[in-house]
Amino acid sequence: MIDLTRLNDTTISINPFMIEMMEQTPDTVIQFNSGHKIVVKEKVGQIQKTVQKYFSRLIAEGIKNAKKE
């Protein structure tokens, strides 16, 4: 899960696997595979970097665990 900030300053944790698309209009709108949309403060580029870091950690943990076996 990654943490993002709604426009009312509350934090929301989302599953990056469920993101279908993002659009900057000027607020960032995230659409999920379900069709549900949320608006967040972070810019699309920031979210992309956060998602990349999230996936990198998952892959690194998988490699680390595979080497233990």
PDB file of N, CA and C in Angstrom:
ATOM      1  N   MET A   1       0.840  -1.179   0.000  1.00  0.00           N
ATOM      2  CA  MET A   1       0.000   0.000   0.000  1.00  0.00           C
ATOM      3  C   MET A   1       0.889   1.249   0.000  1.00  0.00           C
ATOM      4  N   ILE A   2       0.411   2.282  -0.647  1.00  0.00           N
ATOM      5  CA  ILE A   2       1.107   3.565  -0.613  1.00  0.00           C
ATOM      6  C   ILE A   2       0.166   4.603  -0.004  1.00  0.00           C
ATOM      7  N   ASP A   3       0.741   5.560   0.694  1.00  0.00           N
ATOM      8  CA  ASP A   3      -0.043   6.606   1.352  1.00  0.00           C
ATOM      9  C   ASP A   3      -0.060   7.867   0.498  1.00  0.00           C
ATOM     10  N   LEU A   4      -1.248   8.424   0.311  1.00  0.00           N
ATOM     11  CA  LEU A   4      -1.438   9.664  -0.425  1.00  0.00           C
ATOM     12  C   LEU A   4      -2.316  10.593   0.404  1.00  0.00           C
ATOM     13  N   THR A   5      -2.393  11.864  -0.020  1.00  0.00           N
ATOM     14  CA  THR A   5      -3.131  12.875   0.735  1.00  0.00           C
ATOM     15  C   THR A   5      -4.321  13.380  -0.071  1.00  0.00           C
ATOM     16  N   ARG A   6      -5.498  13.253   0.508  1.00  0.00           N
ATOM     17  CA  ARG A   6      -6.702  13.813  -0.125  1.00  0.00           C
ATOM     18  C   ARG A   6      -6.660  15.340  -0.028  1.00  0.00           C
ATOM     19  N   LEU A   7      -7.519  16.008  -0.740  1.00  0.00           N
ATOM     20  CA  LEU A   7      -7.538  17.473  -0.734  1.00  0.00           C
ATOM     21  C   LEU A   7      -7.895  18.051   0.629  1.00  0.00           C
ATOM     22  N   ASN A   8      -8.580  17.270   1.480  1.00  0.00           N
ATOM     23  CA  ASN A   8      -8.938  17.750   2.821  1.00  0.00           C
ATOM     24  C   ASN A   8      -7.862  17.400   3.854  1.00  0.00           C
ATOM     25  N   ASP A   9      -6.672  17.042   3.384  1.00  0.00           N
ATOM     26  CA  ASP A   9      -5.493  16.728   4.201  1.00  0.00           C
ATOM     27  C   ASP A   9      -5.584  15.412   4.968  1.00  0.00           C
ATOM     28  N   THR A  10      -6.530  14.552   4.654  1.00  0.00           N
ATOM     29  CA  THR A  10      -6.548  13.229   5.273  1.00  0.00           C
ATOM     30  C   THR A  10      -5.685  12.286   4.442  1.00  0.00           C
ATOM     31  N   THR A  11      -5.092  11.321   5.116  1.00  0.00           N
ATOM     32  CA  THR A  11      -4.236  10.351   4.440  1.00  0.00           C
ATOM     33  C   THR A  11      -5.062   9.143   4.030  1.00  0.00           C
ATOM     34  N   ILE A  12      -4.786   8.653   2.837  1.00  0.00           N
ATOM     35  CA  ILE A  12      -5.458   7.454   2.339  1.00  0.00           C
ATOM     36  C   ILE A  12      -4.386   6.486   1.849  1.00  0.00           C
ATOM     37  N   SER A  13      -4.542   5.216   2.172  1.00  0.00           N
ATOM     38  CA  SER A  13      -3.625   4.178   1.696  1.00  0.00           C
ATOM     39  C   SER A  13      -4.298   3.462   0.535  1.00  0.00           C
ATOM     40  N   ILE A  14      -3.569   3.363  -0.578  1.00  0.00           N
ATOM     41  CA  ILE A  14      -4.152   2.709  -1.751  1.00  0.00           C
ATOM     42  C   ILE A  14      -3.258   1.571  -2.218  1.00  0.00           C
ATOM     43  N   ASN A  15      -3.875   0.638  -2.905  1.00  0.00           N
ATOM     44  CA  ASN A  15      -3.168  -0.495  -3.484  1.00  0.00           C
ATOM     45  C   ASN A  15      -2.715  -0.094  -4.889  1.00  0.00           C
ATOM     46  N   PRO A  16      -1.405   0.048  -5.124  1.00  0.00           N
ATOM     47  CA  PRO A  16      -0.948   0.505  -6.433  1.00  0.00           C
ATOM     48  C   PRO A  16      -1.246  -0.476  -7.568  1.00  0.00           C
ATOM     49  N   PHE A  17      -1.499  -1.740  -7.232  1.00  0.00           N
ATOM     50  CA  PHE A  17      -1.850  -2.712  -8.263  1.00  0.00           C
ATOM     51  C   PHE A  17      -3.221  -2.412  -8.867  1.00  0.00           C
ATOM     52  N   MET A  18      -4.026  -1.644  -8.168  1.00  0.00           N
ATOM     53  CA  MET A  18      -5.395  -1.371  -8.603  1.00  0.00           C
ATOM     54  C   MET A  18      -5.535  -0.064  -9.390  1.00  0.00           C
ATOM     55  N   ILE A  19      -4.431   0.674  -9.568  1.00  0.00           N
ATOM     56  CA  ILE A  19      -4.495   1.937 -10.315  1.00  0.00           C
ATOM     57  C   ILE A  19      -4.622   1.632 -11.804  1.00  0.00           C
ATOM     58  N   GLU A  20      -5.641   2.189 -12.419  1.00  0.00           N
ATOM     59  CA  GLU A  20      -5.822   2.040 -13.860  1.00  0.00           C
ATOM     60  C   GLU A  20      -5.182   3.208 -14.597  1.00  0.00           C
ATOM     61  N   MET A  21      -5.431   4.432 -14.098  1.00  0.00           N
ATOM     62  CA  MET A  21      -4.851   5.611 -14.741  1.00  0.00           C
ATOM     63  C   MET A  21      -4.830   6.781 -13.775  1.00  0.00           C
ATOM     64  N   MET A  22      -3.992   7.769 -14.104  1.00  0.00           N
ATOM     65  CA  MET A  22      -3.915   9.007 -13.332  1.00  0.00           C
ATOM     66  C   MET A  22      -3.969  10.169 -14.305  1.00  0.00           C
ATOM     67  N   GLU A  23      -4.566  11.261 -13.848  1.00  0.00           N
ATOM     68  CA  GLU A  23      -4.711  12.445 -14.691  1.00  0.00           C
ATOM     69  C   GLU A  23      -4.522  13.686 -13.833  1.00  0.00           C
ATOM     70  N   GLN A  24      -3.771  14.645 -14.359  1.00  0.00           N
ATOM     71  CA  GLN A  24      -3.534  15.907 -13.662  1.00  0.00           C
ATOM     72  C   GLN A  24      -4.412  16.980 -14.299  1.00  0.00           C
ATOM     73  N   THR A  25      -5.392  17.531 -13.536  1.00  0.00           N
ATOM     74  CA  THR A  25      -6.401  18.398 -14.168  1.00  0.00           C
ATOM     75  C   THR A  25      -6.841  19.611 -13.358  1.00  0.00           C
ATOM     76  N   PRO A  26      -6.180  20.473 -12.725  1.00  0.00           N
ATOM     77  CA  PRO A  26      -4.806  20.426 -12.240  1.00  0.00           C
ATOM     78  C   PRO A  26      -4.631  19.521 -11.027  1.00  0.00           C
ATOM     79  N   ASP A  27      -5.728  19.197 -10.301  1.00  0.00           N
ATOM     80  CA  ASP A  27      -5.590  18.233  -9.209  1.00  0.00           C
ATOM     81  C   ASP A  27      -5.360  16.854  -9.817  1.00  0.00           C
ATOM     82  N   THR A  28      -4.781  15.965  -9.043  1.00  0.00           N
ATOM     83  CA  THR A  28      -4.513  14.626  -9.539  1.00  0.00           C
ATOM     84  C   THR A  28      -5.705  13.719  -9.264  1.00  0.00           C
ATOM     85  N   VAL A  29      -6.240  13.153 -10.333  1.00  0.00           N
ATOM     86  CA  VAL A  29      -7.359  12.219 -10.242  1.00  0.00           C
ATOM     87  C   VAL A  29      -6.813  10.821 -10.521  1.00  0.00           C
ATOM     88  N   ILE A  30      -7.062   9.901  -9.587  1.00  0.00           N
ATOM     89  CA  ILE A  30      -6.647   8.513  -9.763  1.00  0.00           C
ATOM     90  C   ILE A  30      -7.897   7.687 -10.008  1.00  0.00           C
ATOM     91  N   GLN A  31      -7.862   6.921 -11.095  1.00  0.00           N
ATOM     92  CA  GLN A  31      -8.975   6.008 -11.378  1.00  0.00           C
ATOM     93  C   GLN A  31      -8.490   4.587 -11.145  1.00  0.00           C
ATOM     94  N   PHE A  32      -9.307   3.818 -10.445  1.00  0.00           N
ATOM     95  CA  PHE A  32      -8.971   2.437 -10.129  1.00  0.00           C
ATOM     96  C   PHE A  32      -9.645   1.486 -11.115  1.00  0.00           C
ATOM     97  N   ASN A  33      -9.194   0.235 -11.120  1.00  0.00           N
ATOM     98  CA  ASN A  33      -9.764  -0.780 -12.003  1.00  0.00           C
ATOM     99  C   ASN A  33     -11.271  -0.916 -11.819  1.00  0.00           C
ATOM    100  N   SER A  34     -11.752  -0.607 -10.635  1.00  0.00           N
ATOM    101  CA  SER A  34     -13.183  -0.708 -10.325  1.00  0.00           C
ATOM    102  C   SER A  34     -13.998   0.435 -10.934  1.00  0.00           C
ATOM    103  N   GLY A  35     -13.301   1.472 -11.428  1.00  0.00           N
ATOM    104  CA  GLY A  35     -13.969   2.658 -11.943  1.00  0.00           C
ATOM    105  C   GLY A  35     -14.065   3.772 -10.911  1.00  0.00           C
ATOM    106  N   HIS A  36     -13.804   3.435  -9.633  1.00  0.00           N
ATOM    107  CA  HIS A  36     -13.827   4.430  -8.552  1.00  0.00           C
ATOM    108  C   HIS A  36     -12.702   5.436  -8.777  1.00  0.00           C
ATOM    109  N   LYS A  37     -12.954   6.700  -8.469  1.00  0.00           N
ATOM    110  CA  LYS A  37     -11.951   7.753  -8.628  1.00  0.00           C
ATOM    111  C   LYS A  37     -11.750   8.476  -7.308  1.00  0.00           C
ATOM    112  N   ILE A  38     -10.508   8.920  -7.067  1.00  0.00           N
ATOM    113  CA  ILE A  38     -10.211   9.784  -5.929  1.00  0.00           C
ATOM    114  C   ILE A  38      -9.349  10.939  -6.422  1.00  0.00           C
ATOM    115  N   VAL A  39      -9.376  12.038  -5.687  1.00  0.00           N
ATOM    116  CA  VAL A  39      -8.560  13.209  -6.000  1.00  0.00           C
ATOM    117  C   VAL A  39      -7.569  13.380  -4.860  1.00  0.00           C
ATOM    118  N   VAL A  40      -6.289  13.545  -5.218  1.00  0.00           N
ATOM    119  CA  VAL A  40      -5.237  13.672  -4.209  1.00  0.00           C
ATOM    120  C   VAL A  40      -4.371  14.895  -4.489  1.00  0.00           C
ATOM    121  N   LYS A  41      -3.605  15.301  -3.471  1.00  0.00           N
ATOM    122  CA  LYS A  41      -2.741  16.481  -3.585  1.00  0.00           C
ATOM    123  C   LYS A  41      -1.459  16.205  -4.369  1.00  0.00           C
ATOM    124  N   GLU A  42      -0.931  14.991  -4.252  1.00  0.00           N
ATOM    125  CA  GLU A  42       0.340  14.675  -4.892  1.00  0.00           C
ATOM    126  C   GLU A  42       0.213  14.759  -6.411  1.00  0.00           C
ATOM    127  N   LYS A  43       1.300  15.166  -7.047  1.00  0.00           N
ATOM    128  CA  LYS A  43       1.342  15.252  -8.503  1.00  0.00           C
ATOM    129  C   LYS A  43       1.569  13.854  -9.086  1.00  0.00           C
ATOM    130  N   VAL A  44       1.203  13.674 -10.350  1.00  0.00           N
ATOM    131  CA  VAL A  44       1.341  12.378 -11.011  1.00  0.00           C
ATOM    132  C   VAL A  44       2.781  11.876 -10.933  1.00  0.00           C
ATOM    133  N   GLY A  45       3.754  12.738 -11.182  1.00  0.00           N
ATOM    134  CA  GLY A  45       5.165  12.333 -11.131  1.00  0.00           C
ATOM    135  C   GLY A  45       5.575  11.822  -9.757  1.00  0.00           C
ATOM    136  N   GLN A  46       5.093  12.487  -8.708  1.00  0.00           N
ATOM    137  CA  GLN A  46       5.393  12.048  -7.339  1.00  0.00           C
ATOM    138  C   GLN A  46       4.809  10.662  -7.084  1.00  0.00           C
ATOM    139  N   ILE A  47       3.587  10.453  -7.531  1.00  0.00           N
ATOM    140  CA  ILE A  47       2.935   9.160  -7.318  1.00  0.00           C
ATOM    141  C   ILE A  47       3.667   8.071  -8.098  1.00  0.00           C
ATOM    142  N   GLN A  48       4.081   8.377  -9.314  1.00  0.00           N
ATOM    143  CA  GLN A  48       4.823   7.397 -10.110  1.00  0.00           C
ATOM    144  C   GLN A  48       6.103   6.977  -9.396  1.00  0.00           C
ATOM    145  N   LYS A  49       6.827   7.934  -8.830  1.00  0.00           N
ATOM    146  CA  LYS A  49       8.055   7.608  -8.095  1.00  0.00           C
ATOM    147  C   LYS A  49       7.753   6.764  -6.864  1.00  0.00           C
ATOM    148  N   THR A  50       6.687   7.104  -6.151  1.00  0.00           N
ATOM    149  CA  THR A  50       6.299   6.340  -4.962  1.00  0.00           C
ATOM    150  C   THR A  50       5.939   4.905  -5.339  1.00  0.00           C
ATOM    151  N   VAL A  51       5.210   4.738  -6.441  1.00  0.00           N
ATOM    152  CA  VAL A  51       4.828   3.398  -6.898  1.00  0.00           C
ATOM    153  C   VAL A  51       6.072   2.616  -7.328  1.00  0.00           C
ATOM    154  N   GLN A  52       6.999   3.270  -8.022  1.00  0.00           N
ATOM    155  CA  GLN A  52       8.239   2.601  -8.428  1.00  0.00           C
ATOM    156  C   GLN A  52       9.023   2.124  -7.215  1.00  0.00           C
ATOM    157  N   LYS A  53       9.126   2.956  -6.189  1.00  0.00           N
ATOM    158  CA  LYS A  53       9.822   2.559  -4.962  1.00  0.00           C
ATOM    159  C   LYS A  53       9.120   1.376  -4.309  1.00  0.00           C
ATOM    160  N   TYR A  54       7.799   1.405  -4.283  1.00  0.00           N
ATOM    161  CA  TYR A  54       7.011   0.323  -3.696  1.00  0.00           C
ATOM    162  C   TYR A  54       7.303  -0.995  -4.418  1.00  0.00           C
ATOM    163  N   PHE A  55       7.244  -0.977  -5.755  1.00  0.00           N
ATOM    164  CA  PHE A  55       7.499  -2.197  -6.520  1.00  0.00           C
ATOM    165  C   PHE A  55       8.950  -2.648  -6.380  1.00  0.00           C
ATOM    166  N   SER A  56       9.889  -1.703  -6.319  1.00  0.00           N
ATOM    167  CA  SER A  56      11.304  -2.056  -6.125  1.00  0.00           C
ATOM    168  C   SER A  56      11.508  -2.781  -4.801  1.00  0.00           C
ATOM    169  N   ARG A  57      10.846  -2.293  -3.745  1.00  0.00           N
ATOM    170  CA  ARG A  57      10.944  -2.961  -2.434  1.00  0.00           C
ATOM    171  C   ARG A  57      10.366  -4.368  -2.493  1.00  0.00           C
ATOM    172  N   LEU A  58       9.227  -4.524  -3.172  1.00  0.00           N
ATOM    173  CA  LEU A  58       8.622  -5.852  -3.295  1.00  0.00           C
ATOM    174  C   LEU A  58       9.550  -6.822  -4.018  1.00  0.00           C
ATOM    175  N   ILE A  59      10.145  -6.364  -5.100  1.00  0.00           N
ATOM    176  CA  ILE A  59      11.051  -7.214  -5.876  1.00  0.00           C
ATOM    177  C   ILE A  59      12.285  -7.552  -5.058  1.00  0.00           C
ATOM    178  N   ALA A  60      12.856  -6.558  -4.379  1.00  0.00           N
ATOM    179  CA  ALA A  60      14.052  -6.791  -3.561  1.00  0.00           C
ATOM    180  C   ALA A  60      13.765  -7.802  -2.453  1.00  0.00           C
ATOM    181  N   GLU A  61      12.608  -7.688  -1.817  1.00  0.00           N
ATOM    182  CA  GLU A  61      12.239  -8.641  -0.768  1.00  0.00           C
ATOM    183  C   GLU A  61      12.065 -10.037  -1.346  1.00  0.00           C
ATOM    184  N   GLY A  62      11.480 -10.132  -2.526  1.00  0.00           N
ATOM    185  CA  GLY A  62      11.298 -11.426  -3.180  1.00  0.00           C
ATOM    186  C   GLY A  62      12.620 -12.082  -3.504  1.00  0.00           C
ATOM    187  N   ILE A  63      13.568 -11.302  -4.011  1.00  0.00           N
ATOM    188  CA  ILE A  63      14.897 -11.834  -4.327  1.00  0.00           C
ATOM    189  C   ILE A  63      15.598 -12.270  -3.051  1.00  0.00           C
ATOM    190  N   LYS A  64      15.509 -11.447  -2.027  1.00  0.00           N
ATOM    191  CA  LYS A  64      16.137 -11.768  -0.742  1.00  0.00           C
ATOM    192  C   LYS A  64      15.574 -13.072  -0.175  1.00  0.00           C
ATOM    193  N   ASN A  65      14.262 -13.219  -0.219  1.00  0.00           N
ATOM    194  CA  ASN A  65      13.627 -14.434   0.294  1.00  0.00           C
ATOM    195  C   ASN A  65      13.959 -15.652  -0.561  1.00  0.00           C
ATOM    196  N   ALA A  66      14.078 -15.470  -1.868  1.00  0.00           N
ATOM    197  CA  ALA A  66      14.411 -16.584  -2.757  1.00  0.00           C
ATOM    198  C   ALA A  66      15.822 -17.088  -2.489  1.00  0.00           C
ATOM    199  N   LYS A  67      16.727 -16.176  -2.144  1.00  0.00           N
ATOM    200  CA  LYS A  67      18.111 -16.572  -1.858  1.00  0.00           C
ATOM    201  C   LYS A  67      18.210 -17.350  -0.555  1.00  0.00           C
ATOM    202  N   LYS A  68      17.279 -17.115   0.365  1.00  0.00           N
ATOM    203  CA  LYS A  68      17.280 -17.825   1.643  1.00  0.00           C
ATOM    204  C   LYS A  68      16.878 -19.287   1.465  1.00  0.00           C
ATOM    205  N   GLU A  69      16.083 -19.560   0.445  1.00  0.00           N
ATOM    206  CA  GLU A  69      15.554 -20.919   0.256  1.00  0.00           C
ATOM    207  C   GLU A  69      16.536 -21.841  -0.382  1.00  0.00           C
TER     208      GLU A  69
END
